[in-house]
Amino acid sequence: MAFCRYLYTTNQLERLAEEVKRRTKVVGAFCSQAAVEKLLYLVLRQLHEAWRARRLRGFAEIHMESYHADWTH
C-alpha cells in the first residue's frame, strides 16, 4: 500500500515560496552562497514589511484586556 505525504501550508507560506521562486528566476545563477542569503533576506524583509502594515478586518474593535484571565482571584 502506498502512502501519500501531504505538506499542509498556509497562504502566507505559499506566497513566500512563490516570491522566492520568482526572484531567483530573474537572477539565474548566483555567484556565492552569500548572494543567495542576501536575496532571501531581502525578500523576507519586504514581505515582513508588507504583512506588518496590513490591517486585519475585525481586529481593530477587539480590546485585548477583555480576553486576559483575571489572575487576582
Protein backbone atom coordinates (compact mmCIF):
# COMPACT_ATOMS: atom_id res chain seq x y z
CA MET A 1 0.00 0.00 0.00
CA ALA A 2 1.42 3.36 -0.99
CA PHE A 3 1.15 6.29 1.33
CA CYS A 4 0.87 9.82 0.06
CA ARG A 5 2.54 12.53 2.03
CA TYR A 6 0.93 15.92 2.13
CA LEU A 7 2.51 19.15 3.14
CA TYR A 8 -0.05 21.47 4.63
CA THR A 9 0.80 25.13 4.24
CA THR A 10 -0.82 28.45 4.80
CA ASN A 11 -1.37 31.11 2.21
CA GLN A 12 1.48 33.14 3.68
CA LEU A 13 3.95 30.28 3.29
CA GLU A 14 2.80 29.68 -0.26
CA ARG A 15 3.18 33.38 -1.01
CA LEU A 16 6.70 33.34 0.41
CA ALA A 17 7.69 30.32 -1.68
CA GLU A 18 6.27 31.88 -4.86
CA GLU A 19 8.05 35.18 -4.20
CA VAL A 20 11.40 33.46 -3.63
CA LYS A 21 10.89 31.37 -6.79
CA ARG A 22 10.02 34.47 -8.82
CA ARG A 23 13.06 36.39 -7.61
CA THR A 24 15.52 33.55 -8.16
CA LYS A 25 14.28 33.01 -11.73
CA VAL A 26 15.31 36.56 -12.59
CA VAL A 27 18.85 36.11 -11.29
CA GLY A 28 19.53 32.75 -12.93
CA ALA A 29 22.93 31.99 -11.36
CA PHE A 30 24.32 33.18 -8.06
CA CYS A 31 28.00 33.97 -7.60
CA SER A 32 28.13 32.79 -3.98
CA GLN A 33 26.08 31.47 -1.10
CA ALA A 34 26.17 34.94 0.44
CA ALA A 35 24.33 36.29 -2.60
CA VAL A 36 21.58 33.71 -2.15
CA GLU A 37 21.30 34.55 1.55
CA LYS A 38 21.12 38.27 0.78
CA LEU A 39 18.34 37.76 -1.77
CA LEU A 40 16.40 35.58 0.65
CA TYR A 41 16.86 38.17 3.42
CA LEU A 42 15.62 40.99 1.18
CA VAL A 43 12.55 39.00 0.09
CA LEU A 44 11.72 38.14 3.71
CA ARG A 45 12.21 41.74 4.78
CA GLN A 46 9.94 43.07 2.02
CA LEU A 47 7.18 40.57 2.81
CA HIS A 48 7.51 41.25 6.54
CA GLU A 49 7.03 44.98 5.95
CA ALA A 50 4.00 44.34 3.74
CA TRP A 51 2.40 41.94 6.23
CA ARG A 52 3.16 44.18 9.20
CA ALA A 53 1.46 47.15 7.53
CA ARG A 54 -1.67 45.12 6.77
CA ARG A 55 -4.75 45.66 8.88
CA LEU A 56 -6.78 42.61 9.67
CA ARG A 57 -10.52 43.01 9.44
CA GLY A 58 -12.34 42.91 12.76
CA PHE A 59 -9.27 43.17 14.98
CA ALA A 60 -9.48 46.92 15.49
CA GLU A 61 -12.58 46.51 17.63
CA ILE A 62 -11.10 43.89 19.95
CA HIS A 63 -9.80 45.05 23.29
CA MET A 64 -7.16 42.60 24.42
CA GLU A 65 -7.75 43.40 28.10
CA SER A 66 -11.13 41.67 27.94
CA TYR A 67 -9.50 38.43 26.76
CA HIS A 68 -6.99 38.08 29.60
CA ALA A 69 -7.92 35.92 32.54
CA ASP A 70 -8.45 37.62 35.86
CA TRP A 71 -5.46 36.43 37.90
CA THR A 72 -6.42 38.34 41.08
CA HIS A 73 -8.78 35.60 42.35
